[in-house]
Amino acid sequence: MSRRFYRLRAPDVEHGTSAVTVRVTDGEDLYLAVGAGRRRMYLTPAEAWALWRCLSEAVASTGTPPEWIRVPITPKGR
């Protein structure tokens, strides 16, 4: 079973940065962890697509994307 991890650190006022990780397991679910794993969620691919659509619209409504978000994210295996 193949797994890929996508990670990005977001600025965090209290802690310096906050990690965001998504693990994709081929043929199974997606796993989302935010802030050192304190907030976790398992998603089906359909749920992940729905979340992506809602988040992209909601976040876009907040204004121009910050510069730190404009980085390539390369999946890593484990």
N, C-alpha and C. Protein backbone atom coordinates (compact mmCIF):
# COMPACT_ATOMS: atom_id res chain seq x y z
N MET A 1 0.83 -1.17 0.00
CA MET A 1 0.00 0.00 0.00
C MET A 1 0.88 1.25 0.00
N SER A 2 0.68 2.11 -0.98
CA SER A 2 1.51 3.30 -1.12
C SER A 2 0.89 4.49 -0.38
N ARG A 3 1.75 5.23 0.33
CA ARG A 3 1.32 6.44 1.04
C ARG A 3 2.17 7.62 0.60
N ARG A 4 1.52 8.77 0.45
CA ARG A 4 2.21 10.01 0.14
C ARG A 4 1.83 11.05 1.19
N PHE A 5 2.79 11.85 1.58
CA PHE A 5 2.57 12.89 2.58
C PHE A 5 2.83 14.25 1.95
N TYR A 6 1.91 15.17 2.15
CA TYR A 6 2.03 16.55 1.69
C TYR A 6 2.05 17.43 2.93
N ARG A 7 3.12 18.23 3.07
CA ARG A 7 3.28 19.05 4.28
C ARG A 7 3.57 20.49 3.93
N LEU A 8 3.04 21.39 4.78
CA LEU A 8 3.31 22.81 4.66
C LEU A 8 3.17 23.41 6.05
N ARG A 9 4.05 24.36 6.35
CA ARG A 9 3.98 25.06 7.65
C ARG A 9 3.36 26.43 7.44
N ALA A 10 2.38 26.73 8.28
CA ALA A 10 1.71 28.03 8.24
C ALA A 10 2.18 28.87 9.42
N PRO A 11 2.31 30.18 9.24
CA PRO A 11 2.68 31.03 10.37
C PRO A 11 1.64 30.92 11.49
N ASP A 12 2.10 30.90 12.72
CA ASP A 12 1.24 30.80 13.90
C ASP A 12 1.69 31.86 14.89
N VAL A 13 0.81 32.75 15.27
CA VAL A 13 1.17 33.87 16.15
C VAL A 13 1.72 33.38 17.48
N GLU A 14 1.12 32.35 18.06
CA GLU A 14 1.53 31.88 19.39
C GLU A 14 2.73 30.95 19.38
N HIS A 15 2.87 30.12 18.33
CA HIS A 15 3.88 29.06 18.35
C HIS A 15 4.93 29.15 17.26
N GLY A 16 4.92 30.19 16.46
CA GLY A 16 5.91 30.31 15.39
C GLY A 16 5.43 29.75 14.07
N THR A 17 5.14 28.46 14.01
CA THR A 17 4.54 27.85 12.82
C THR A 17 3.58 26.75 13.25
N SER A 18 2.70 26.39 12.36
CA SER A 18 1.75 25.32 12.60
C SER A 18 1.81 24.38 11.39
N ALA A 19 2.07 23.11 11.64
CA ALA A 19 2.20 22.14 10.55
C ALA A 19 0.83 21.72 10.04
N VAL A 20 0.75 21.58 8.72
CA VAL A 20 -0.44 21.02 8.07
C VAL A 20 0.06 19.84 7.25
N THR A 21 -0.49 18.65 7.48
CA THR A 21 -0.08 17.45 6.79
C THR A 21 -1.30 16.71 6.25
N VAL A 22 -1.20 16.28 5.00
CA VAL A 22 -2.23 15.41 4.42
C VAL A 22 -1.53 14.14 3.96
N ARG A 23 -2.05 13.00 4.42
CA ARG A 23 -1.53 11.70 4.01
C ARG A 23 -2.55 11.06 3.07
N VAL A 24 -2.07 10.63 1.91
CA VAL A 24 -2.91 9.95 0.94
C VAL A 24 -2.48 8.50 0.88
N THR A 25 -3.40 7.60 1.14
CA THR A 25 -3.14 6.16 1.04
C THR A 25 -3.89 5.65 -0.18
N ASP A 26 -3.16 5.12 -1.18
CA ASP A 26 -3.78 4.66 -2.42
C ASP A 26 -4.90 3.67 -2.14
N GLY A 27 -6.05 3.93 -2.75
CA GLY A 27 -7.19 3.02 -2.63
C GLY A 27 -7.93 3.13 -1.31
N GLU A 28 -7.54 4.07 -0.44
CA GLU A 28 -8.21 4.19 0.85
C GLU A 28 -8.62 5.64 1.10
N ASP A 29 -8.28 6.14 2.27
CA ASP A 29 -8.73 7.46 2.66
C ASP A 29 -7.62 8.50 2.62
N LEU A 30 -7.97 9.71 2.95
CA LEU A 30 -7.02 10.79 3.15
C LEU A 30 -7.05 11.13 4.62
N TYR A 31 -5.91 11.51 5.16
CA TYR A 31 -5.81 11.85 6.58
C TYR A 31 -5.26 13.27 6.66
N LEU A 32 -5.97 14.14 7.36
CA LEU A 32 -5.58 15.53 7.51
C LEU A 32 -5.21 15.78 8.96
N ALA A 33 -4.02 16.36 9.20
CA ALA A 33 -3.59 16.72 10.55
C ALA A 33 -3.14 18.18 10.52
N VAL A 34 -3.63 18.96 11.48
CA VAL A 34 -3.29 20.38 11.57
C VAL A 34 -2.77 20.68 12.97
N GLY A 35 -1.66 21.41 13.04
CA GLY A 35 -1.14 21.83 14.34
C GLY A 35 -0.62 20.70 15.18
N ALA A 36 0.42 20.02 14.75
CA ALA A 36 1.06 18.92 15.49
C ALA A 36 0.09 17.78 15.78
N GLY A 37 -0.90 17.60 14.91
CA GLY A 37 -1.80 16.46 15.04
C GLY A 37 -2.92 16.63 16.04
N ARG A 38 -3.03 17.81 16.64
CA ARG A 38 -4.11 18.00 17.62
C ARG A 38 -5.47 17.99 16.95
N ARG A 39 -5.54 18.44 15.72
CA ARG A 39 -6.79 18.44 14.96
C ARG A 39 -6.60 17.48 13.80
N ARG A 40 -7.35 16.39 13.83
CA ARG A 40 -7.18 15.33 12.83
C ARG A 40 -8.51 14.96 12.20
N MET A 41 -8.45 14.49 10.96
CA MET A 41 -9.67 14.09 10.29
C MET A 41 -9.34 13.09 9.19
N TYR A 42 -10.11 12.02 9.14
CA TYR A 42 -10.04 11.08 8.02
C TYR A 42 -11.13 11.46 7.04
N LEU A 43 -10.79 11.45 5.74
CA LEU A 43 -11.73 11.85 4.71
C LEU A 43 -11.74 10.83 3.58
N THR A 44 -12.92 10.57 3.03
CA THR A 44 -12.99 9.81 1.79
C THR A 44 -12.55 10.75 0.67
N PRO A 45 -12.18 10.21 -0.48
CA PRO A 45 -11.84 11.11 -1.58
C PRO A 45 -12.98 12.09 -1.92
N ALA A 46 -14.22 11.64 -1.89
CA ALA A 46 -15.36 12.53 -2.19
C ALA A 46 -15.46 13.64 -1.15
N GLU A 47 -15.28 13.32 0.12
CA GLU A 47 -15.31 14.34 1.17
C GLU A 47 -14.16 15.32 1.01
N ALA A 48 -12.99 14.81 0.64
CA ALA A 48 -11.83 15.68 0.45
C ALA A 48 -12.08 16.66 -0.70
N TRP A 49 -12.68 16.20 -1.79
CA TRP A 49 -13.00 17.10 -2.90
C TRP A 49 -14.02 18.16 -2.47
N ALA A 50 -15.04 17.77 -1.70
CA ALA A 50 -16.03 18.73 -1.22
C ALA A 50 -15.38 19.75 -0.28
N LEU A 51 -14.50 19.27 0.61
CA LEU A 51 -13.79 20.17 1.52
C LEU A 51 -12.92 21.13 0.73
N TRP A 52 -12.19 20.63 -0.26
CA TRP A 52 -11.34 21.47 -1.09
C TRP A 52 -12.15 22.59 -1.75
N ARG A 53 -13.30 22.23 -2.30
CA ARG A 53 -14.13 23.23 -2.98
C ARG A 53 -14.62 24.29 -2.00
N CYS A 54 -15.14 23.88 -0.86
CA CYS A 54 -15.64 24.83 0.15
C CYS A 54 -14.50 25.70 0.69
N LEU A 55 -13.38 25.08 1.03
CA LEU A 55 -12.24 25.84 1.55
C LEU A 55 -11.70 26.83 0.52
N SER A 56 -11.58 26.40 -0.73
CA SER A 56 -11.01 27.30 -1.74
C SER A 56 -11.89 28.53 -1.92
N GLU A 57 -13.19 28.37 -1.92
CA GLU A 57 -14.09 29.52 -2.06
C GLU A 57 -14.04 30.40 -0.81
N ALA A 58 -14.08 29.78 0.37
CA ALA A 58 -14.09 30.53 1.62
C ALA A 58 -12.80 31.31 1.81
N VAL A 59 -11.66 30.65 1.58
CA VAL A 59 -10.37 31.31 1.77
C VAL A 59 -10.16 32.40 0.73
N ALA A 60 -10.58 32.16 -0.50
CA ALA A 60 -10.45 33.17 -1.55
C ALA A 60 -11.23 34.44 -1.20
N SER A 61 -12.30 34.29 -0.45
CA SER A 61 -13.12 35.45 -0.09
C SER A 61 -12.44 36.33 0.97
N THR A 62 -11.34 35.85 1.57
CA THR A 62 -10.66 36.63 2.61
C THR A 62 -9.64 37.61 2.06
N GLY A 63 -9.31 37.53 0.78
CA GLY A 63 -8.38 38.48 0.19
C GLY A 63 -7.27 37.81 -0.59
N THR A 64 -6.23 38.57 -0.85
CA THR A 64 -5.09 38.11 -1.64
C THR A 64 -4.28 37.08 -0.86
N PRO A 65 -3.84 35.99 -1.51
CA PRO A 65 -3.03 34.98 -0.83
C PRO A 65 -1.70 35.56 -0.33
N PRO A 66 -1.23 35.13 0.84
CA PRO A 66 0.06 35.61 1.35
C PRO A 66 1.22 35.02 0.54
N GLU A 67 2.35 35.68 0.57
CA GLU A 67 3.52 35.23 -0.19
C GLU A 67 4.02 33.85 0.24
N TRP A 68 3.95 33.53 1.54
CA TRP A 68 4.50 32.26 2.02
C TRP A 68 3.76 31.05 1.46
N ILE A 69 2.56 31.25 0.93
CA ILE A 69 1.78 30.13 0.41
C ILE A 69 2.21 29.73 -1.00
N ARG A 70 2.98 30.58 -1.65
CA ARG A 70 3.37 30.35 -3.05
C ARG A 70 4.63 29.50 -3.15
N VAL A 71 4.58 28.31 -2.60
CA VAL A 71 5.72 27.39 -2.66
C VAL A 71 5.24 26.06 -3.23
N PRO A 72 6.09 25.38 -3.98
CA PRO A 72 5.71 24.05 -4.46
C PRO A 72 5.69 23.06 -3.30
N ILE A 73 4.77 22.13 -3.35
CA ILE A 73 4.69 21.08 -2.34
C ILE A 73 4.94 19.75 -3.05
N THR A 74 6.03 19.10 -2.72
CA THR A 74 6.39 17.82 -3.30
C THR A 74 6.00 16.70 -2.35
N PRO A 75 5.24 15.70 -2.82
CA PRO A 75 4.87 14.61 -1.93
C PRO A 75 6.10 13.80 -1.50
N LYS A 76 6.06 13.35 -0.29
CA LYS A 76 7.14 12.52 0.26
C LYS A 76 6.57 11.16 0.65
N GLY A 77 7.32 10.14 0.44
CA GLY A 77 6.94 8.80 0.89
C GLY A 77 7.53 8.57 2.28
N ARG A 78 7.13 7.51 2.89
CA ARG A 78 7.72 7.21 4.18
C ARG A 78 8.20 5.81 4.24
